[in-house]
């Protein structure tokens, strides 16, 4: 029952272009 909160500050990440799908990118 303990409240949990974990966060990270904003960070720049790489948007991976999806092969064969122009203008579509994956972020994860």
ModelCIF file with pLDDT and N, C-alpha, C, O atoms, coordinates in Angstrom:
data_MODEL
#
_entry.id   MODEL 
#
_entity.id                         1 
_entity.type                       polymer 
_entity.pdbx_number_of_molecules   1 
#
_entity_poly.entity_id                      1 
_entity_poly.type                           'polypeptide(L)' 
_entity_poly.nstd_linkage                   no 
_entity_poly.nstd_monomer                   no 
_entity_poly.pdbx_seq_one_letter_code       
;(UNK)(UNK)(UNK)(UNK)(UNK)(UNK)(UNK)(UNK)(UNK)(UNK)(UNK)(UNK)(UNK)(UNK)(UNK)(UNK)
(UNK)(UNK)(UNK)(UNK)(UNK)(UNK)(UNK)(UNK)(UNK)(UNK)(UNK)(UNK)
;
_entity_poly.pdbx_seq_one_letter_code_can   XXXXXXXXXXXXXXXXXXXXXXXXXXXX 
_entity_poly.pdbx_strand_id                 A 
#
loop_
_entity_poly_seq.entity_id 
_entity_poly_seq.num 
_entity_poly_seq.mon_id 
_entity_poly_seq.hetero 
1 1  UNK n 
1 2  UNK n 
1 3  UNK n 
1 4  UNK n 
1 5  UNK n 
1 6  UNK n 
1 7  UNK n 
1 8  UNK n 
1 9  UNK n 
1 10 UNK n 
1 11 UNK n 
1 12 UNK n 
1 13 UNK n 
1 14 UNK n 
1 15 UNK n 
1 16 UNK n 
1 17 UNK n 
1 18 UNK n 
1 19 UNK n 
1 20 UNK n 
1 21 UNK n 
1 22 UNK n 
1 23 UNK n 
1 24 UNK n 
1 25 UNK n 
1 26 UNK n 
1 27 UNK n 
1 28 UNK n 
#
_struct_asym.id          A 
_struct_asym.entity_id   1 
#
loop_
_ma_qa_metric.id 
_ma_qa_metric.mode 
_ma_qa_metric.name 
_ma_qa_metric.software_group_id 
_ma_qa_metric.type 
1 global pLDDT . pLDDT 
2 local  pLDDT . pLDDT 
#
_ma_qa_metric_global.metric_id      1 
_ma_qa_metric_global.metric_value   92.57 
_ma_qa_metric_global.model_id       1 
_ma_qa_metric_global.ordinal_id     1 
#
loop_
_ma_qa_metric_local.label_asym_id 
_ma_qa_metric_local.label_comp_id 
_ma_qa_metric_local.label_seq_id 
_ma_qa_metric_local.metric_id 
_ma_qa_metric_local.metric_value 
_ma_qa_metric_local.model_id 
_ma_qa_metric_local.ordinal_id 
A UNK 1  2 92.00 1 1  
A UNK 2  2 94.00 1 2  
A UNK 3  2 94.00 1 3  
A UNK 4  2 93.00 1 4  
A UNK 5  2 94.00 1 5  
A UNK 6  2 94.00 1 6  
A UNK 7  2 92.00 1 7  
A UNK 8  2 91.00 1 8  
A UNK 9  2 92.00 1 9  
A UNK 10 2 94.00 1 10 
A UNK 11 2 94.00 1 11 
A UNK 12 2 94.00 1 12 
A UNK 13 2 94.00 1 13 
A UNK 14 2 92.00 1 14 
A UNK 15 2 94.00 1 15 
A UNK 16 2 92.00 1 16 
A UNK 17 2 91.00 1 17 
A UNK 18 2 91.00 1 18 
A UNK 19 2 88.00 1 19 
A UNK 20 2 86.00 1 20 
A UNK 21 2 90.00 1 21 
A UNK 22 2 89.00 1 22 
A UNK 23 2 91.00 1 23 
A UNK 24 2 94.00 1 24 
A UNK 25 2 95.00 1 25 
A UNK 26 2 96.00 1 26 
A UNK 27 2 96.00 1 27 
A UNK 28 2 95.00 1 28 
#
loop_
_atom_site.group_PDB 
_atom_site.id 
_atom_site.type_symbol 
_atom_site.label_atom_id 
_atom_site.label_alt_id 
_atom_site.label_comp_id 
_atom_site.label_asym_id 
_atom_site.label_entity_id 
_atom_site.label_seq_id 
_atom_site.pdbx_PDB_ins_code 
_atom_site.Cartn_x 
_atom_site.Cartn_y 
_atom_site.Cartn_z 
_atom_site.occupancy 
_atom_site.B_iso_or_equiv 
_atom_site.pdbx_formal_charge 
_atom_site.auth_seq_id 
_atom_site.auth_comp_id 
_atom_site.auth_asym_id 
_atom_site.auth_atom_id 
_atom_site.pdbx_PDB_model_num 
ATOM 1   N N  . UNK A 1 1  ? 0.792  -1.225 0.000   1.00 92.00 ? 1  UNK A N  1 
ATOM 2   C CA . UNK A 1 1  ? 0.000  0.000  0.000   1.00 92.00 ? 1  UNK A CA 1 
ATOM 3   C C  . UNK A 1 1  ? 0.821  1.270  0.000   1.00 92.00 ? 1  UNK A C  1 
ATOM 4   O O  . UNK A 1 1  ? 0.263  2.360  0.125   1.00 92.00 ? 1  UNK A O  1 
ATOM 5   N N  . UNK A 1 2  ? 2.119  1.161  -0.135  1.00 94.00 ? 2  UNK A N  1 
ATOM 6   C CA . UNK A 1 2  ? 2.980  2.335  -0.128  1.00 94.00 ? 2  UNK A CA 1 
ATOM 7   C C  . UNK A 1 2  ? 2.910  3.056  -1.472  1.00 94.00 ? 2  UNK A C  1 
ATOM 8   O O  . UNK A 1 2  ? 3.037  2.436  -2.528  1.00 94.00 ? 2  UNK A O  1 
ATOM 9   N N  . UNK A 1 3  ? 2.706  4.381  -1.419  1.00 94.00 ? 3  UNK A N  1 
ATOM 10  C CA . UNK A 1 3  ? 2.665  5.184  -2.638  1.00 94.00 ? 3  UNK A CA 1 
ATOM 11  C C  . UNK A 1 3  ? 4.064  5.244  -3.266  1.00 94.00 ? 3  UNK A C  1 
ATOM 12  O O  . UNK A 1 3  ? 5.066  5.474  -2.589  1.00 94.00 ? 3  UNK A O  1 
ATOM 13  N N  . UNK A 1 4  ? 4.091  5.026  -4.587  1.00 93.00 ? 4  UNK A N  1 
ATOM 14  C CA . UNK A 1 4  ? 5.350  5.028  -5.327  1.00 93.00 ? 4  UNK A CA 1 
ATOM 15  C C  . UNK A 1 4  ? 5.277  6.093  -6.423  1.00 93.00 ? 4  UNK A C  1 
ATOM 16  O O  . UNK A 1 4  ? 4.285  6.187  -7.145  1.00 93.00 ? 4  UNK A O  1 
ATOM 17  N N  . UNK A 1 5  ? 6.323  6.879  -6.535  1.00 94.00 ? 5  UNK A N  1 
ATOM 18  C CA . UNK A 1 5  ? 6.418  7.835  -7.633  1.00 94.00 ? 5  UNK A CA 1 
ATOM 19  C C  . UNK A 1 5  ? 7.885  7.966  -8.031  1.00 94.00 ? 5  UNK A C  1 
ATOM 20  O O  . UNK A 1 5  ? 8.733  8.366  -7.234  1.00 94.00 ? 5  UNK A O  1 
ATOM 21  N N  . UNK A 1 6  ? 8.154  7.623  -9.268  1.00 94.00 ? 6  UNK A N  1 
ATOM 22  C CA . UNK A 1 6  ? 9.501  7.745  -9.797  1.00 94.00 ? 6  UNK A CA 1 
ATOM 23  C C  . UNK A 1 6  ? 9.426  8.486  -11.127 1.00 94.00 ? 6  UNK A C  1 
ATOM 24  O O  . UNK A 1 6  ? 8.573  8.185  -11.962 1.00 94.00 ? 6  UNK A O  1 
ATOM 25  N N  . UNK A 1 7  ? 10.300 9.433  -11.319 1.00 92.00 ? 7  UNK A N  1 
ATOM 26  C CA . UNK A 1 7  ? 10.256 10.229 -12.541 1.00 92.00 ? 7  UNK A CA 1 
ATOM 27  C C  . UNK A 1 7  ? 11.672 10.548 -13.013 1.00 92.00 ? 7  UNK A C  1 
ATOM 28  O O  . UNK A 1 7  ? 12.635 10.472 -12.249 1.00 92.00 ? 7  UNK A O  1 
ATOM 29  N N  . UNK A 1 8  ? 11.768 10.900 -14.268 1.00 91.00 ? 8  UNK A N  1 
ATOM 30  C CA . UNK A 1 8  ? 13.040 11.302 -14.867 1.00 91.00 ? 8  UNK A CA 1 
ATOM 31  C C  . UNK A 1 8  ? 12.822 12.629 -15.576 1.00 91.00 ? 8  UNK A C  1 
ATOM 32  O O  . UNK A 1 8  ? 11.757 12.846 -16.154 1.00 91.00 ? 8  UNK A O  1 
ATOM 33  N N  . UNK A 1 9  ? 13.799 13.518 -15.546 1.00 92.00 ? 9  UNK A N  1 
ATOM 34  C CA . UNK A 1 9  ? 13.651 14.806 -16.239 1.00 92.00 ? 9  UNK A CA 1 
ATOM 35  C C  . UNK A 1 9  ? 13.584 14.596 -17.734 1.00 92.00 ? 9  UNK A C  1 
ATOM 36  O O  . UNK A 1 9  ? 14.009 13.550 -18.224 1.00 92.00 ? 9  UNK A O  1 
ATOM 37  N N  . UNK A 1 10 ? 13.056 15.570 -18.481 1.00 94.00 ? 10 UNK A N  1 
ATOM 38  C CA . UNK A 1 10 ? 13.007 15.440 -19.943 1.00 94.00 ? 10 UNK A CA 1 
ATOM 39  C C  . UNK A 1 10 ? 14.404 15.204 -20.513 1.00 94.00 ? 10 UNK A C  1 
ATOM 40  O O  . UNK A 1 10 ? 15.377 15.832 -20.096 1.00 94.00 ? 10 UNK A O  1 
ATOM 41  N N  . UNK A 1 11 ? 14.479 14.299 -21.461 1.00 94.00 ? 11 UNK A N  1 
ATOM 42  C CA . UNK A 1 11 ? 15.753 14.003 -22.114 1.00 94.00 ? 11 UNK A CA 1 
ATOM 43  C C  . UNK A 1 11 ? 15.537 13.848 -23.611 1.00 94.00 ? 11 UNK A C  1 
ATOM 44  O O  . UNK A 1 11 ? 14.483 13.399 -24.062 1.00 94.00 ? 11 UNK A O  1 
ATOM 45  N N  . UNK A 1 12 ? 16.553 14.228 -24.367 1.00 94.00 ? 12 UNK A N  1 
ATOM 46  C CA . UNK A 1 12 ? 16.452 14.065 -25.818 1.00 94.00 ? 12 UNK A CA 1 
ATOM 47  C C  . UNK A 1 12 ? 16.707 12.622 -26.170 1.00 94.00 ? 12 UNK A C  1 
ATOM 48  O O  . UNK A 1 12 ? 17.661 12.014 -25.686 1.00 94.00 ? 12 UNK A O  1 
ATOM 49  N N  . UNK A 1 13 ? 15.833 12.059 -27.035 1.00 94.00 ? 13 UNK A N  1 
ATOM 50  C CA . UNK A 1 13 ? 15.959 10.664 -27.430 1.00 94.00 ? 13 UNK A CA 1 
ATOM 51  C C  . UNK A 1 13 ? 15.998 10.586 -28.954 1.00 94.00 ? 13 UNK A C  1 
ATOM 52  O O  . UNK A 1 13 ? 15.590 11.516 -29.650 1.00 94.00 ? 13 UNK A O  1 
ATOM 53  N N  . UNK A 1 14 ? 16.490 9.478  -29.448 1.00 92.00 ? 14 UNK A N  1 
ATOM 54  C CA . UNK A 1 14 ? 16.577 9.279  -30.892 1.00 92.00 ? 14 UNK A CA 1 
ATOM 55  C C  . UNK A 1 14 ? 15.246 8.766  -31.426 1.00 92.00 ? 14 UNK A C  1 
ATOM 56  O O  . UNK A 1 14 ? 14.677 7.815  -30.890 1.00 92.00 ? 14 UNK A O  1 
ATOM 57  N N  . UNK A 1 15 ? 14.762 9.394  -32.470 1.00 94.00 ? 15 UNK A N  1 
ATOM 58  C CA . UNK A 1 15 ? 13.590 8.899  -33.191 1.00 94.00 ? 15 UNK A CA 1 
ATOM 59  C C  . UNK A 1 15 ? 14.095 8.072  -34.369 1.00 94.00 ? 15 UNK A C  1 
ATOM 60  O O  . UNK A 1 15 ? 14.720 8.611  -35.282 1.00 94.00 ? 15 UNK A O  1 
ATOM 61  N N  . UNK A 1 16 ? 13.830 6.776  -34.354 1.00 92.00 ? 16 UNK A N  1 
ATOM 62  C CA . UNK A 1 16 ? 14.366 5.871  -35.356 1.00 92.00 ? 16 UNK A CA 1 
ATOM 63  C C  . UNK A 1 16 ? 13.451 5.858  -36.583 1.00 92.00 ? 16 UNK A C  1 
ATOM 64  O O  . UNK A 1 16 ? 12.270 5.535  -36.453 1.00 92.00 ? 16 UNK A O  1 
ATOM 65  N N  . UNK A 1 17 ? 13.968 6.202  -37.781 1.00 91.00 ? 17 UNK A N  1 
ATOM 66  C CA . UNK A 1 17 ? 13.122 6.107  -38.977 1.00 91.00 ? 17 UNK A CA 1 
ATOM 67  C C  . UNK A 1 17 ? 12.739 4.657  -39.236 1.00 91.00 ? 17 UNK A C  1 
ATOM 68  O O  . UNK A 1 17 ? 13.594 3.772  -39.208 1.00 91.00 ? 17 UNK A O  1 
ATOM 69  N N  . UNK A 1 18 ? 11.451 4.410  -39.491 1.00 91.00 ? 18 UNK A N  1 
ATOM 70  C CA . UNK A 1 18 ? 10.973 3.054  -39.710 1.00 91.00 ? 18 UNK A CA 1 
ATOM 71  C C  . UNK A 1 18 ? 11.214 2.666  -41.162 1.00 91.00 ? 18 UNK A C  1 
ATOM 72  O O  . UNK A 1 18 ? 10.693 3.304  -42.078 1.00 91.00 ? 18 UNK A O  1 
ATOM 73  N N  . UNK A 1 19 ? 11.991 1.639  -41.363 1.00 88.00 ? 19 UNK A N  1 
ATOM 74  C CA . UNK A 1 19 ? 12.394 1.214  -42.694 1.00 88.00 ? 19 UNK A CA 1 
ATOM 75  C C  . UNK A 1 19 ? 11.182 0.881  -43.551 1.00 88.00 ? 19 UNK A C  1 
ATOM 76  O O  . UNK A 1 19 ? 10.319 0.099  -43.150 1.00 88.00 ? 19 UNK A O  1 
ATOM 77  N N  . UNK A 1 20 ? 11.126 1.480  -44.732 1.00 86.00 ? 20 UNK A N  1 
ATOM 78  C CA . UNK A 1 20 ? 10.027 1.210  -45.657 1.00 86.00 ? 20 UNK A CA 1 
ATOM 79  C C  . UNK A 1 20 ? 8.765  1.985  -45.378 1.00 86.00 ? 20 UNK A C  1 
ATOM 80  O O  . UNK A 1 20 ? 7.772  1.821  -46.087 1.00 86.00 ? 20 UNK A O  1 
ATOM 81  N N  . UNK A 1 21 ? 8.776  2.836  -44.351 1.00 90.00 ? 21 UNK A N  1 
ATOM 82  C CA . UNK A 1 21 ? 7.579  3.607  -44.010 1.00 90.00 ? 21 UNK A CA 1 
ATOM 83  C C  . UNK A 1 21 ? 7.989  5.073  -43.895 1.00 90.00 ? 21 UNK A C  1 
ATOM 84  O O  . UNK A 1 21 ? 8.255  5.546  -42.790 1.00 90.00 ? 21 UNK A O  1 
ATOM 85  N N  . UNK A 1 22 ? 8.046  5.801  -45.009 1.00 89.00 ? 22 UNK A N  1 
ATOM 86  C CA . UNK A 1 22 ? 8.532  7.186  -44.971 1.00 89.00 ? 22 UNK A CA 1 
ATOM 87  C C  . UNK A 1 22 ? 7.753  8.052  -43.998 1.00 89.00 ? 22 UNK A C  1 
ATOM 88  O O  . UNK A 1 22 ? 6.531  7.943  -43.889 1.00 89.00 ? 22 UNK A O  1 
ATOM 89  N N  . UNK A 1 23 ? 8.474  8.916  -43.292 1.00 91.00 ? 23 UNK A N  1 
ATOM 90  C CA . UNK A 1 23 ? 7.924  9.883  -42.343 1.00 91.00 ? 23 UNK A CA 1 
ATOM 91  C C  . UNK A 1 23 ? 7.303  9.237  -41.110 1.00 91.00 ? 23 UNK A C  1 
ATOM 92  O O  . UNK A 1 23 ? 6.590  9.900  -40.357 1.00 91.00 ? 23 UNK A O  1 
ATOM 93  N N  . UNK A 1 24 ? 7.567  7.943  -40.896 1.00 94.00 ? 24 UNK A N  1 
ATOM 94  C CA . UNK A 1 24 ? 7.148  7.264  -39.675 1.00 94.00 ? 24 UNK A CA 1 
ATOM 95  C C  . UNK A 1 24 ? 8.406  6.953  -38.859 1.00 94.00 ? 24 UNK A C  1 
ATOM 96  O O  . UNK A 1 24 ? 9.411  6.490  -39.400 1.00 94.00 ? 24 UNK A O  1 
ATOM 97  N N  . UNK A 1 25 ? 8.335  7.213  -37.557 1.00 95.00 ? 25 UNK A N  1 
ATOM 98  C CA . UNK A 1 25 ? 9.481  7.021  -36.680 1.00 95.00 ? 25 UNK A CA 1 
ATOM 99  C C  . UNK A 1 25 ? 9.046  6.259  -35.425 1.00 95.00 ? 25 UNK A C  1 
ATOM 100 O O  . UNK A 1 25 ? 7.894  6.332  -34.998 1.00 95.00 ? 25 UNK A O  1 
ATOM 101 N N  . UNK A 1 26 ? 9.984  5.541  -34.861 1.00 96.00 ? 26 UNK A N  1 
ATOM 102 C CA . UNK A 1 26 ? 9.723  4.853  -33.613 1.00 96.00 ? 26 UNK A CA 1 
ATOM 103 C C  . UNK A 1 26 ? 10.486 5.492  -32.464 1.00 96.00 ? 26 UNK A C  1 
ATOM 104 O O  . UNK A 1 26 ? 11.660 5.834  -32.601 1.00 96.00 ? 26 UNK A O  1 
ATOM 105 N N  . UNK A 1 27 ? 9.813  5.650  -31.331 1.00 96.00 ? 27 UNK A N  1 
ATOM 106 C CA . UNK A 1 27 ? 10.439 6.155  -30.116 1.00 96.00 ? 27 UNK A CA 1 
ATOM 107 C C  . UNK A 1 27 ? 10.184 5.133  -29.020 1.00 96.00 ? 27 UNK A C  1 
ATOM 108 O O  . UNK A 1 27 ? 9.040  4.742  -28.784 1.00 96.00 ? 27 UNK A O  1 
ATOM 109 N N  . UNK A 1 28 ? 11.238 4.703  -28.355 1.00 95.00 ? 28 UNK A N  1 
ATOM 110 C CA . UNK A 1 28 ? 11.042 3.718  -27.300 1.00 95.00 ? 28 UNK A CA 1 
ATOM 111 C C  . UNK A 1 28 ? 12.334 3.387  -26.586 1.00 95.00 ? 28 UNK A C  1 
ATOM 112 O O  . UNK A 1 28 ? 12.338 2.569  -25.666 1.00 95.00 ? 28 UNK A O  1 
#
